[in-house]
Amino acid sequence: MIKTIMVAAVTALVVSAIYGKVSAVHTFNVIDGYVKDLFELLRQSIRNASIDK
């Protein structure tokens, strides 16, 4: 009985660690996409401001 509980606890720990890693990578990629979009908008805004002078 104790052995089964220990196996379940270790399995839950491993699954939790893997899911946390995958979730962190996905979240980072989403945020990275937003940052790239913002920098592109900033570049366009600066370029347009330079042309309008």
Protein backbone atom coordinates (compact mmCIF):
# COMPACT_ATOMS: atom_id res chain seq x y z
CA MET A 1 0.00 0.00 0.00
CA ILE A 2 2.76 2.47 0.95
CA LYS A 3 4.70 1.53 -2.19
CA THR A 4 1.68 2.34 -4.37
CA ILE A 5 1.26 5.71 -2.67
CA MET A 6 4.96 6.51 -3.14
CA VAL A 7 4.82 5.58 -6.84
CA ALA A 8 1.72 7.75 -7.29
CA ALA A 9 3.37 10.67 -5.49
CA VAL A 10 6.56 10.44 -7.55
CA THR A 11 4.56 10.10 -10.76
CA ALA A 12 2.48 13.17 -9.85
CA LEU A 13 5.66 15.11 -9.10
CA VAL A 14 7.25 14.20 -12.44
CA VAL A 15 4.09 14.99 -14.41
CA SER A 16 3.72 18.30 -12.58
CA ALA A 17 7.32 19.28 -13.34
CA ILE A 18 6.96 18.41 -17.03
CA TYR A 19 3.66 20.28 -17.33
CA GLY A 20 5.17 23.31 -15.59
CA LYS A 21 8.05 23.37 -18.07
CA VAL A 22 5.75 23.04 -21.09
CA SER A 23 3.41 25.70 -19.74
CA ALA A 24 6.30 28.10 -19.08
CA VAL A 25 7.71 27.63 -22.59
CA HIS A 26 4.29 28.21 -24.17
CA THR A 27 3.67 31.33 -22.07
CA PHE A 28 7.12 32.68 -22.94
CA ASN A 29 6.50 32.15 -26.65
CA VAL A 30 3.16 33.98 -26.48
CA ILE A 31 4.68 36.92 -24.59
CA ASP A 32 7.65 36.96 -26.97
CA GLY A 33 5.24 37.27 -29.89
CA TYR A 34 3.53 40.24 -28.24
CA VAL A 35 6.88 41.93 -27.60
CA LYS A 36 7.96 41.44 -31.21
CA ASP A 37 4.68 42.97 -32.41
CA LEU A 38 5.11 45.95 -30.10
CA PHE A 39 8.66 46.57 -31.29
CA GLU A 40 7.51 46.39 -34.91
CA LEU A 41 4.79 48.97 -34.19
CA LEU A 42 7.38 51.15 -32.46
CA ARG A 43 9.75 50.89 -35.45
CA GLN A 44 6.97 51.83 -37.84
CA SER A 45 5.95 54.75 -35.65
CA ILE A 46 9.51 56.07 -35.49
CA ARG A 47 9.93 55.59 -39.24
CA ASN A 48 6.67 57.43 -39.94
CA ALA A 49 7.66 60.26 -37.57
CA SER A 50 10.98 60.64 -39.38
CA ILE A 51 9.28 60.76 -42.79
CA ASP A 52 6.69 63.33 -41.65
CA LYS A 53 9.34 65.87 -40.60
